[in-house]
PDB file of N, CA and C in Angstrom:
ATOM      1  N   MET A   1     -22.530   5.711 -29.461  1.00  0.00           N
ATOM      2  CA  MET A   1     -22.048   5.216 -28.188  1.00  0.00           C
ATOM      3  C   MET A   1     -22.491   6.189 -27.093  1.00  0.00           C
ATOM      4  N   LYS A   2     -23.228   5.667 -26.119  1.00  0.00           N
ATOM      5  CA  LYS A   2     -23.744   6.489 -25.032  1.00  0.00           C
ATOM      6  C   LYS A   2     -22.795   6.490 -23.843  1.00  0.00           C
ATOM      7  N   ARG A   3     -22.906   7.543 -23.064  1.00  0.00           N
ATOM      8  CA  ARG A   3     -22.139   7.591 -21.816  1.00  0.00           C
ATOM      9  C   ARG A   3     -22.810   6.689 -20.788  1.00  0.00           C
ATOM     10  N   VAL A   4     -22.030   6.247 -19.826  1.00  0.00           N
ATOM     11  CA  VAL A   4     -22.550   5.438 -18.728  1.00  0.00           C
ATOM     12  C   VAL A   4     -22.247   6.183 -17.441  1.00  0.00           C
ATOM     13  N   ARG A   5     -23.287   6.441 -16.676  1.00  0.00           N
ATOM     14  CA  ARG A   5     -23.137   7.115 -15.390  1.00  0.00           C
ATOM     15  C   ARG A   5     -23.535   6.165 -14.270  1.00  0.00           C
ATOM     16  N   PHE A   6     -23.028   6.439 -13.070  1.00  0.00           N
ATOM     17  CA  PHE A   6     -23.336   5.631 -11.887  1.00  0.00           C
ATOM     18  C   PHE A   6     -23.981   6.517 -10.829  1.00  0.00           C
ATOM     19  N   THR A   7     -24.954   5.968 -10.129  1.00  0.00           N
ATOM     20  CA  THR A   7     -25.450   6.652  -8.942  1.00  0.00           C
ATOM     21  C   THR A   7     -24.382   6.510  -7.861  1.00  0.00           C
ATOM     22  N   LYS A   8     -24.439   7.355  -6.856  1.00  0.00           N
ATOM     23  CA  LYS A   8     -23.466   7.252  -5.756  1.00  0.00           C
ATOM     24  C   LYS A   8     -23.564   5.897  -5.067  1.00  0.00           C
ATOM     25  N   ALA A   9     -24.777   5.421  -4.897  1.00  0.00           N
ATOM     26  CA  ALA A   9     -24.971   4.120  -4.245  1.00  0.00           C
ATOM     27  C   ALA A   9     -24.367   2.993  -5.085  1.00  0.00           C
ATOM     28  N   ALA A  10     -24.517   3.060  -6.403  1.00  0.00           N
ATOM     29  CA  ALA A  10     -23.951   2.028  -7.268  1.00  0.00           C
ATOM     30  C   ALA A  10     -22.423   2.046  -7.209  1.00  0.00           C
ATOM     31  N   LEU A  11     -21.832   3.237  -7.168  1.00  0.00           N
ATOM     32  CA  LEU A  11     -20.373   3.327  -7.033  1.00  0.00           C
ATOM     33  C   LEU A  11     -19.905   2.715  -5.721  1.00  0.00           C
ATOM     34  N   ARG A  12     -20.656   2.960  -4.667  1.00  0.00           N
ATOM     35  CA  ARG A  12     -20.307   2.379  -3.368  1.00  0.00           C
ATOM     36  C   ARG A  12     -20.381   0.849  -3.442  1.00  0.00           C
ATOM     37  N   GLU A  13     -21.376   0.340  -4.156  1.00  0.00           N
ATOM     38  CA  GLU A  13     -21.513  -1.109  -4.289  1.00  0.00           C
ATOM     39  C   GLU A  13     -20.398  -1.719  -5.123  1.00  0.00           C
ATOM     40  N   VAL A  14     -19.901  -0.998  -6.108  1.00  0.00           N
ATOM     41  CA  VAL A  14     -18.761  -1.483  -6.889  1.00  0.00           C
ATOM     42  C   VAL A  14     -17.564  -1.650  -5.948  1.00  0.00           C
ATOM     43  N   ASP A  15     -17.359  -0.679  -5.062  1.00  0.00           N
ATOM     44  CA  ASP A  15     -16.271  -0.779  -4.084  1.00  0.00           C
ATOM     45  C   ASP A  15     -16.502  -1.942  -3.118  1.00  0.00           C
ATOM     46  N   LEU A  16     -17.742  -2.131  -2.688  1.00  0.00           N
ATOM     47  CA  LEU A  16     -18.064  -3.242  -1.788  1.00  0.00           C
ATOM     48  C   LEU A  16     -17.840  -4.588  -2.479  1.00  0.00           C
ATOM     49  N   ALA A  17     -18.175  -4.658  -3.759  1.00  0.00           N
ATOM     50  CA  ALA A  17     -17.957  -5.896  -4.510  1.00  0.00           C
ATOM     51  C   ALA A  17     -16.462  -6.202  -4.614  1.00  0.00           C
ATOM     52  N   ALA A  18     -15.651  -5.175  -4.882  1.00  0.00           N
ATOM     53  CA  ALA A  18     -14.198  -5.376  -4.967  1.00  0.00           C
ATOM     54  C   ALA A  18     -13.654  -5.835  -3.616  1.00  0.00           C
ATOM     55  N   ALA A  19     -14.145  -5.253  -2.540  1.00  0.00           N
ATOM     56  CA  ALA A  19     -13.702  -5.662  -1.204  1.00  0.00           C
ATOM     57  C   ALA A  19     -14.146  -7.100  -0.910  1.00  0.00           C
ATOM     58  N   PHE A  20     -15.333  -7.453  -1.355  1.00  0.00           N
ATOM     59  CA  PHE A  20     -15.858  -8.804  -1.148  1.00  0.00           C
ATOM     60  C   PHE A  20     -14.959  -9.832  -1.819  1.00  0.00           C
ATOM     61  N   HIS A  21     -14.424  -9.491  -2.973  1.00  0.00           N
ATOM     62  CA  HIS A  21     -13.584 -10.420  -3.718  1.00  0.00           C
ATOM     63  C   HIS A  21     -12.141 -10.420  -3.233  1.00  0.00           C
ATOM     64  N   GLU A  22     -11.878  -9.724  -2.163  1.00  0.00           N
ATOM     65  CA  GLU A  22     -10.587  -9.675  -1.474  1.00  0.00           C
ATOM     66  C   GLU A  22      -9.401  -9.569  -2.427  1.00  0.00           C
ATOM     67  N   GLY A  23      -8.655 -10.625  -2.642  1.00  0.00           N
ATOM     68  CA  GLY A  23      -7.439 -10.584  -3.452  1.00  0.00           C
ATOM     69  C   GLY A  23      -7.687 -10.333  -4.930  1.00  0.00           C
ATOM     70  N   LEU A  24      -8.946 -10.331  -5.333  1.00  0.00           N
ATOM     71  CA  LEU A  24      -9.283 -10.125  -6.735  1.00  0.00           C
ATOM     72  C   LEU A  24      -9.934  -8.764  -6.965  1.00  0.00           C
ATOM     73  N   GLY A  25      -9.707  -7.830  -6.061  1.00  0.00           N
ATOM     74  CA  GLY A  25     -10.330  -6.517  -6.161  1.00  0.00           C
ATOM     75  C   GLY A  25     -10.008  -5.787  -7.451  1.00  0.00           C
ATOM     76  N   VAL A  26      -8.743  -5.855  -7.875  1.00  0.00           N
ATOM     77  CA  VAL A  26      -8.346  -5.184  -9.116  1.00  0.00           C
ATOM     78  C   VAL A  26      -9.096  -5.800 -10.299  1.00  0.00           C
ATOM     79  N   GLU A  27      -9.170  -7.132 -10.332  1.00  0.00           N
ATOM     80  CA  GLU A  27      -9.890  -7.802 -11.413  1.00  0.00           C
ATOM     81  C   GLU A  27     -11.373  -7.435 -11.379  1.00  0.00           C
ATOM     82  N   SER A  28     -11.914  -7.263 -10.190  1.00  0.00           N
ATOM     83  CA  SER A  28     -13.318  -6.869 -10.063  1.00  0.00           C
ATOM     84  C   SER A  28     -13.552  -5.511 -10.721  1.00  0.00           C
ATOM     85  N   TYR A  29     -12.685  -4.551 -10.442  1.00  0.00           N
ATOM     86  CA  TYR A  29     -12.800  -3.228 -11.081  1.00  0.00           C
ATOM     87  C   TYR A  29     -12.624  -3.329 -12.603  1.00  0.00           C
ATOM     88  N   GLU A  30     -11.715  -4.188 -13.042  1.00  0.00           N
ATOM     89  CA  GLU A  30     -11.508  -4.351 -14.481  1.00  0.00           C
ATOM     90  C   GLU A  30     -12.748  -4.930 -15.149  1.00  0.00           C
ATOM     91  N   ARG A  31     -13.423  -5.882 -14.483  1.00  0.00           N
ATOM     92  CA  ARG A  31     -14.638  -6.462 -15.046  1.00  0.00           C
ATOM     93  C   ARG A  31     -15.772  -5.434 -15.088  1.00  0.00           C
ATOM     94  N   VAL A  32     -15.799  -4.531 -14.107  1.00  0.00           N
ATOM     95  CA  VAL A  32     -16.783  -3.440 -14.143  1.00  0.00           C
ATOM     96  C   VAL A  32     -16.481  -2.540 -15.337  1.00  0.00           C
ATOM     97  N   ASP A  33     -15.208  -2.220 -15.552  1.00  0.00           N
ATOM     98  CA  ASP A  33     -14.827  -1.412 -16.721  1.00  0.00           C
ATOM     99  C   ASP A  33     -15.237  -2.101 -18.024  1.00  0.00           C
ATOM    100  N   ASP A  34     -15.037  -3.425 -18.097  1.00  0.00           N
ATOM    101  CA  ASP A  34     -15.444  -4.182 -19.284  1.00  0.00           C
ATOM    102  C   ASP A  34     -16.955  -4.104 -19.485  1.00  0.00           C
ATOM    103  N   ALA A  35     -17.703  -4.249 -18.391  1.00  0.00           N
ATOM    104  CA  ALA A  35     -19.171  -4.195 -18.473  1.00  0.00           C
ATOM    105  C   ALA A  35     -19.629  -2.817 -18.929  1.00  0.00           C
ATOM    106  N   VAL A  36     -18.982  -1.772 -18.431  1.00  0.00           N
ATOM    107  CA  VAL A  36     -19.322  -0.410 -18.855  1.00  0.00           C
ATOM    108  C   VAL A  36     -19.075  -0.252 -20.352  1.00  0.00           C
ATOM    109  N   ALA A  37     -17.955  -0.778 -20.836  1.00  0.00           N
ATOM    110  CA  ALA A  37     -17.659  -0.705 -22.273  1.00  0.00           C
ATOM    111  C   ALA A  37     -18.724  -1.444 -23.080  1.00  0.00           C
ATOM    112  N   ASN A  38     -19.161  -2.598 -22.585  1.00  0.00           N
ATOM    113  CA  ASN A  38     -20.203  -3.362 -23.274  1.00  0.00           C
ATOM    114  C   ASN A  38     -21.537  -2.609 -23.273  1.00  0.00           C
ATOM    115  N   ILE A  39     -21.864  -1.984 -22.165  1.00  0.00           N
ATOM    116  CA  ILE A  39     -23.099  -1.203 -22.092  1.00  0.00           C
ATOM    117  C   ILE A  39     -23.023  -0.031 -23.059  1.00  0.00           C
ATOM    118  N   ARG A  40     -21.865   0.622 -23.122  1.00  0.00           N
ATOM    119  CA  ARG A  40     -21.680   1.737 -24.062  1.00  0.00           C
ATOM    120  C   ARG A  40     -21.902   1.281 -25.508  1.00  0.00           C
ATOM    121  N   GLN A  41     -21.319   0.140 -25.832  1.00  0.00           N
ATOM    122  CA  GLN A  41     -21.390  -0.379 -27.203  1.00  0.00           C
ATOM    123  C   GLN A  41     -22.819  -0.721 -27.621  1.00  0.00           C
ATOM    124  N   ASN A  42     -23.545  -1.409 -26.733  1.00  0.00           N
ATOM    125  CA  ASN A  42     -24.862  -1.914 -27.116  1.00  0.00           C
ATOM    126  C   ASN A  42     -25.789  -1.989 -25.908  1.00  0.00           C
ATOM    127  N   PRO A  43     -26.226  -0.857 -25.397  1.00  0.00           N
ATOM    128  CA  PRO A  43     -27.064  -0.879 -24.194  1.00  0.00           C
ATOM    129  C   PRO A  43     -28.390  -1.603 -24.397  1.00  0.00           C
ATOM    130  N   GLU A  44     -28.914  -1.575 -25.604  1.00  0.00           N
ATOM    131  CA  GLU A  44     -30.187  -2.240 -25.858  1.00  0.00           C
ATOM    132  C   GLU A  44     -30.016  -3.738 -26.081  1.00  0.00           C
ATOM    133  N   GLY A  45     -28.777  -4.213 -26.070  1.00  0.00           N
ATOM    134  CA  GLY A  45     -28.503  -5.634 -26.227  1.00  0.00           C
ATOM    135  C   GLY A  45     -28.796  -6.442 -24.974  1.00  0.00           C
ATOM    136  N   TYR A  46     -29.119  -5.772 -23.902  1.00  0.00           N
ATOM    137  CA  TYR A  46     -29.437  -6.446 -22.640  1.00  0.00           C
ATOM    138  C   TYR A  46     -30.945  -6.391 -22.451  1.00  0.00           C
ATOM    139  N   ARG A  47     -31.515  -7.537 -22.144  1.00  0.00           N
ATOM    140  CA  ARG A  47     -32.971  -7.577 -22.061  1.00  0.00           C
ATOM    141  C   ARG A  47     -33.480  -6.863 -20.817  1.00  0.00           C
ATOM    142  N   LYS A  48     -34.692  -6.383 -20.919  1.00  0.00           N
ATOM    143  CA  LYS A  48     -35.337  -5.711 -19.799  1.00  0.00           C
ATOM    144  C   LYS A  48     -35.773  -6.760 -18.789  1.00  0.00           C
ATOM    145  N   LEU A  49     -35.425  -6.541 -17.526  1.00  0.00           N
ATOM    146  CA  LEU A  49     -35.801  -7.474 -16.474  1.00  0.00           C
ATOM    147  C   LEU A  49     -36.986  -6.955 -15.664  1.00  0.00           C
ATOM    148  N   HIS A  50     -37.112  -5.658 -15.618  1.00  0.00           N
ATOM    149  CA  HIS A  50     -38.230  -5.042 -14.909  1.00  0.00           C
ATOM    150  C   HIS A  50     -38.440  -3.660 -15.505  1.00  0.00           C
ATOM    151  N   GLN A  51     -39.574  -3.463 -16.157  1.00  0.00           N
ATOM    152  CA  GLN A  51     -39.856  -2.224 -16.869  1.00  0.00           C
ATOM    153  C   GLN A  51     -38.668  -1.882 -17.759  1.00  0.00           C
ATOM    154  N   ASP A  52     -37.924  -0.817 -17.466  1.00  0.00           N
ATOM    155  CA  ASP A  52     -36.782  -0.459 -18.314  1.00  0.00           C
ATOM    156  C   ASP A  52     -35.442  -0.792 -17.675  1.00  0.00           C
ATOM    157  N   LEU A  53     -35.441  -1.601 -16.637  1.00  0.00           N
ATOM    158  CA  LEU A  53     -34.221  -1.957 -15.910  1.00  0.00           C
ATOM    159  C   LEU A  53     -33.573  -3.184 -16.536  1.00  0.00           C
ATOM    160  N   ARG A  54     -32.271  -3.078 -16.813  1.00  0.00           N
ATOM    161  CA  ARG A  54     -31.513  -4.150 -17.461  1.00  0.00           C
ATOM    162  C   ARG A  54     -30.330  -4.554 -16.585  1.00  0.00           C
ATOM    163  N   ARG A  55     -29.757  -5.725 -16.876  1.00  0.00           N
ATOM    164  CA  ARG A  55     -28.604  -6.199 -16.100  1.00  0.00           C
ATOM    165  C   ARG A  55     -27.516  -6.672 -17.051  1.00  0.00           C
ATOM    166  N   CYS A  56     -26.284  -6.234 -16.758  1.00  0.00           N
ATOM    167  CA  CYS A  56     -25.106  -6.688 -17.494  1.00  0.00           C
ATOM    168  C   CYS A  56     -24.234  -7.454 -16.502  1.00  0.00           C
ATOM    169  N   ASN A  57     -24.080  -8.752 -16.712  1.00  0.00           N
ATOM    170  CA  ASN A  57     -23.268  -9.563 -15.810  1.00  0.00           C
ATOM    171  C   ASN A  57     -21.791  -9.227 -15.969  1.00  0.00           C
ATOM    172  N   LEU A  58     -21.053  -9.366 -14.866  1.00  0.00           N
ATOM    173  CA  LEU A  58     -19.617  -9.125 -14.894  1.00  0.00           C
ATOM    174  C   LEU A  58     -18.902 -10.415 -15.286  1.00  0.00           C
ATOM    175  N   ARG A  59     -18.103 -10.345 -16.331  1.00  0.00           N
ATOM    176  CA  ARG A  59     -17.309 -11.501 -16.751  1.00  0.00           C
ATOM    177  C   ARG A  59     -16.355 -11.870 -15.612  1.00  0.00           C
ATOM    178  N   GLN A  60     -16.146 -13.116 -15.393  1.00  0.00           N
ATOM    179  CA  GLN A  60     -15.304 -13.680 -14.337  1.00  0.00           C
ATOM    180  C   GLN A  60     -16.055 -13.715 -13.014  1.00  0.00           C
ATOM    181  N   PHE A  61     -16.878 -12.727 -12.746  1.00  0.00           N
ATOM    182  CA  PHE A  61     -17.696 -12.687 -11.532  1.00  0.00           C
ATOM    183  C   PHE A  61     -19.154 -12.726 -11.972  1.00  0.00           C
ATOM    184  N   THR A  62     -19.530 -13.796 -12.657  1.00  0.00           N
ATOM    185  CA  THR A  62     -20.819 -13.848 -13.345  1.00  0.00           C
ATOM    186  C   THR A  62     -22.016 -13.788 -12.405  1.00  0.00           C
ATOM    187  N   ASP A  63     -21.790 -14.002 -11.134  1.00  0.00           N
ATOM    188  CA  ASP A  63     -22.883 -13.882 -10.179  1.00  0.00           C
ATOM    189  C   ASP A  63     -23.199 -12.402  -9.913  1.00  0.00           C
ATOM    190  N   TRP A  64     -22.305 -11.514 -10.286  1.00  0.00           N
ATOM    191  CA  TRP A  64     -22.467 -10.079 -10.063  1.00  0.00           C
ATOM    192  C   TRP A  64     -22.885  -9.392 -11.349  1.00  0.00           C
ATOM    193  N   GLY A  65     -23.623  -8.311 -11.214  1.00  0.00           N
ATOM    194  CA  GLY A  65     -24.035  -7.590 -12.404  1.00  0.00           C
ATOM    195  C   GLY A  65     -24.311  -6.127 -12.131  1.00  0.00           C
ATOM    196  N   LEU A  66     -24.238  -5.338 -13.185  1.00  0.00           N
ATOM    197  CA  LEU A  66     -24.595  -3.926 -13.132  1.00  0.00           C
ATOM    198  C   LEU A  66     -26.040  -3.799 -13.603  1.00  0.00           C
ATOM    199  N   TRP A  67     -26.887  -3.242 -12.759  1.00  0.00           N
ATOM    200  CA  TRP A  67     -28.274  -2.983 -13.108  1.00  0.00           C
ATOM    201  C   TRP A  67     -28.348  -1.550 -13.611  1.00  0.00           C
ATOM    202  N   PHE A  68     -28.914  -1.368 -14.800  1.00  0.00           N
ATOM    203  CA  PHE A  68     -28.931  -0.037 -15.395  1.00  0.00           C
ATOM    204  C   PHE A  68     -30.222   0.214 -16.147  1.00  0.00           C
ATOM    205  N   ARG A  69     -30.451   1.477 -16.417  1.00  0.00           N
ATOM    206  CA  ARG A  69     -31.590   1.887 -17.244  1.00  0.00           C
ATOM    207  C   ARG A  69     -31.088   2.837 -18.310  1.00  0.00           C
ATOM    208  N   LEU A  70     -31.800   2.870 -19.411  1.00  0.00           N
ATOM    209  CA  LEU A  70     -31.431   3.743 -20.522  1.00  0.00           C
ATOM    210  C   LEU A  70     -32.155   5.072 -20.404  1.00  0.00           C
ATOM    211  N   ASN A  71     -31.415   6.132 -20.594  1.00  0.00           N
ATOM    212  CA  ASN A  71     -31.975   7.472 -20.720  1.00  0.00           C
ATOM    213  C   ASN A  71     -31.679   7.937 -22.136  1.00  0.00           C
ATOM    214  N   ARG A  72     -32.185   9.078 -22.510  1.00  0.00           N
ATOM    215  CA  ARG A  72     -31.982   9.529 -23.891  1.00  0.00           C
ATOM    216  C   ARG A  72     -30.510   9.645 -24.263  1.00  0.00           C
ATOM    217  N   ASP A  73     -29.714  10.247 -23.396  1.00  0.00           N
ATOM    218  CA  ASP A  73     -28.320  10.519 -23.766  1.00  0.00           C
ATOM    219  C   ASP A  73     -27.291   9.713 -22.977  1.00  0.00           C
ATOM    220  N   HIS A  74     -27.735   8.841 -22.073  1.00  0.00           N
ATOM    221  CA  HIS A  74     -26.789   8.038 -21.306  1.00  0.00           C
ATOM    222  C   HIS A  74     -27.489   6.830 -20.687  1.00  0.00           C
ATOM    223  N   SER A  75     -26.688   5.915 -20.182  1.00  0.00           N
ATOM    224  CA  SER A  75     -27.183   4.795 -19.387  1.00  0.00           C
ATOM    225  C   SER A  75     -26.841   5.098 -17.940  1.00  0.00           C
ATOM    226  N   MET A  76     -27.760   4.792 -17.027  1.00  0.00           N
ATOM    227  CA  MET A  76     -27.549   5.058 -15.608  1.00  0.00           C
ATOM    228  C   MET A  76     -27.499   3.738 -14.850  1.00  0.00           C
ATOM    229  N   VAL A  77     -26.335   3.442 -14.254  1.00  0.00           N
ATOM    230  CA  VAL A  77     -26.185   2.250 -13.428  1.00  0.00           C
ATOM    231  C   VAL A  77     -26.746   2.592 -12.047  1.00  0.00           C
ATOM    232  N   VAL A  78     -27.740   1.814 -11.620  1.00  0.00           N
ATOM    233  CA  VAL A  78     -28.389   2.090 -10.339  1.00  0.00           C
ATOM    234  C   VAL A  78     -27.956   1.116  -9.254  1.00  0.00           C
ATOM    235  N   ALA A  79     -27.334  -0.012  -9.646  1.00  0.00           N
ATOM    236  CA  ALA A  79     -26.912  -0.987  -8.638  1.00  0.00           C
ATOM    237  C   ALA A  79     -25.844  -1.912  -9.204  1.00  0.00           C
ATOM    238  N   CYS A  80     -25.012  -2.414  -8.307  1.00  0.00           N
ATOM    239  CA  CYS A  80     -24.051  -3.475  -8.600  1.00  0.00           C
ATOM    240  C   CYS A  80     -24.341  -4.555  -7.564  1.00  0.00           C
ATOM    241  N   LEU A  81     -25.038  -5.601  -7.990  1.00  0.00           N
ATOM    242  CA  LEU A  81     -25.528  -6.599  -7.043  1.00  0.00           C
ATOM    243  C   LEU A  81     -25.024  -7.999  -7.350  1.00  0.00           C
ATOM    244  N   SER A  82     -24.870  -8.770  -6.300  1.00  0.00           N
ATOM    245  CA  SER A  82     -24.649 -10.194  -6.437  1.00  0.00           C
ATOM    246  C   SER A  82     -25.992 -10.828  -6.800  1.00  0.00           C
ATOM    247  N   GLY A  83     -25.945 -11.886  -7.569  1.00  0.00           N
ATOM    248  CA  GLY A  83     -27.160 -12.605  -7.920  1.00  0.00           C
ATOM    249  C   GLY A  83     -27.817 -13.255  -6.717  1.00  0.00           C
ATOM    250  N   ARG A  84     -27.106 -13.314  -5.615  1.00  0.00           N
ATOM    251  CA  ARG A  84     -27.671 -13.884  -4.390  1.00  0.00           C
ATOM    252  C   ARG A  84     -28.598 -12.900  -3.678  1.00  0.00           C
ATOM    253  N   ARG A  85     -28.497 -11.640  -4.061  1.00  0.00           N
ATOM    254  CA  ARG A  85     -29.376 -10.620  -3.489  1.00  0.00           C
ATOM    255  C   ARG A  85     -30.659 -10.580  -4.291  1.00  0.00           C
ATOM    256  N   SER A  86     -31.697 -10.149  -3.685  1.00  0.00           N
ATOM    257  CA  SER A  86     -32.991 -10.082  -4.352  1.00  0.00           C
ATOM    258  C   SER A  86     -32.986  -9.009  -5.437  1.00  0.00           C
ATOM    259  N   PRO A  87     -33.447  -9.357  -6.650  1.00  0.00           N
ATOM    260  CA  PRO A  87     -33.527  -8.338  -7.701  1.00  0.00           C
ATOM    261  C   PRO A  87     -34.532  -7.241  -7.353  1.00  0.00           C
ATOM    262  N   ALA A  88     -35.392  -7.514  -6.399  1.00  0.00           N
ATOM    263  CA  ALA A  88     -36.355  -6.489  -5.968  1.00  0.00           C
ATOM    264  C   ALA A  88     -35.621  -5.267  -5.416  1.00  0.00           C
ATOM    265  N   LEU A  89     -34.429  -5.463  -4.861  1.00  0.00           N
ATOM    266  CA  LEU A  89     -33.659  -4.334  -4.340  1.00  0.00           C
ATOM    267  C   LEU A  89     -33.297  -3.362  -5.460  1.00  0.00           C
ATOM    268  N   ALA A  90     -32.830  -3.899  -6.586  1.00  0.00           N
ATOM    269  CA  ALA A  90     -32.481  -3.035  -7.723  1.00  0.00           C
ATOM    270  C   ALA A  90     -33.736  -2.386  -8.294  1.00  0.00           C
ATOM    271  N   LYS A  91     -34.824  -3.132  -8.371  1.00  0.00           N
ATOM    272  CA  LYS A  91     -36.076  -2.603  -8.900  1.00  0.00           C
ATOM    273  C   LYS A  91     -36.583  -1.455  -8.042  1.00  0.00           C
ATOM    274  N   ASP A  92     -36.585  -1.671  -6.729  1.00  0.00           N
ATOM    275  CA  ASP A  92     -37.062  -0.622  -5.824  1.00  0.00           C
ATOM    276  C   ASP A  92     -36.152   0.596  -5.863  1.00  0.00           C
ATOM    277  N   ARG A  93     -34.857   0.363  -5.952  1.00  0.00           N
ATOM    278  CA  ARG A  93     -33.913   1.479  -6.022  1.00  0.00           C
ATOM    279  C   ARG A  93     -34.140   2.278  -7.296  1.00  0.00           C
ATOM    280  N   ALA A  94     -34.349   1.588  -8.410  1.00  0.00           N
ATOM    281  CA  ALA A  94     -34.534   2.259  -9.692  1.00  0.00           C
ATOM    282  C   ALA A  94     -35.799   3.107  -9.714  1.00  0.00           C
ATOM    283  N   THR A  95     -36.802   2.671  -8.986  1.00  0.00           N
ATOM    284  CA  THR A  95     -38.050   3.438  -8.954  1.00  0.00           C
ATOM    285  C   THR A  95     -38.066   4.457  -7.823  1.00  0.00           C
ATOM    286  N   GLY A  96     -37.009   4.452  -6.998  1.00  0.00           N
ATOM    287  CA  GLY A  96     -36.919   5.409  -5.915  1.00  0.00           C
ATOM    288  C   GLY A  96     -37.788   5.063  -4.717  1.00  0.00           C
ATOM    289  N   VAL A  97     -38.238   3.813  -4.628  1.00  0.00           N
ATOM    290  CA  VAL A  97     -39.134   3.422  -3.553  1.00  0.00           C
ATOM    291  C   VAL A  97     -38.407   3.379  -2.220  1.00  0.00           C
ATOM    292  N   ILE A  98     -37.235   2.771  -2.189  1.00  0.00           N
ATOM    293  CA  ILE A  98     -36.492   2.635  -0.927  1.00  0.00           C
ATOM    294  C   ILE A  98     -35.037   2.981  -1.148  1.00  0.00           C
ATOM    295  N   PRO A  99     -34.370   3.485  -0.122  1.00  0.00           N
ATOM    296  CA  PRO A  99     -32.911   3.602  -0.217  1.00  0.00           C
ATOM    297  C   PRO A  99     -32.318   2.202  -0.165  1.00  0.00           C
ATOM    298  N   PHE A 100     -31.163   2.036  -0.745  1.00  0.00           N
ATOM    299  CA  PHE A 100     -30.566   0.731  -0.821  1.00  0.00           C
ATOM    300  C   PHE A 100     -29.919   0.356   0.501  1.00  0.00           C
ATOM    301  N   PRO A 101     -30.310  -0.780   1.110  1.00  0.00           N
ATOM    302  CA  PRO A 101     -29.731  -1.184   2.393  1.00  0.00           C
ATOM    303  C   PRO A 101     -28.300  -1.675   2.239  1.00  0.00           C
ATOM    304  N   GLU A 102     -27.549  -1.547   3.294  1.00  0.00           N
ATOM    305  CA  GLU A 102     -26.174  -2.067   3.296  1.00  0.00           C
ATOM    306  C   GLU A 102     -26.231  -3.586   3.272  1.00  0.00           C
ATOM    307  N   PRO A 103     -25.285  -4.258   2.610  1.00  0.00           N
ATOM    308  CA  PRO A 103     -25.281  -5.736   2.587  1.00  0.00           C
ATOM    309  C   PRO A 103     -24.928  -6.309   3.942  1.00  0.00           C
TER     310      PRO A 103
END
């Protein structure tokens, strides 16, 4: 079981997602916790969407997902995005091409 780490930007997006869901903010955080547990259990169970970047959808908020990459000793979550946002944002963030814009 690997550790799961978040970039500062990804943590900020988790908070933005909870705020977006207004009255369901607590459930949003719980679904992120569930997704982290799933990533810990089987990080390679998620298919690669771009090079080594993978996405784990949030249960209940299936339009949202944690974008992550595998490292030797941990998984690194680089974004928490709505499916309505361009996946290019997560790809560019993961490669360090651009800072992540505010929604």
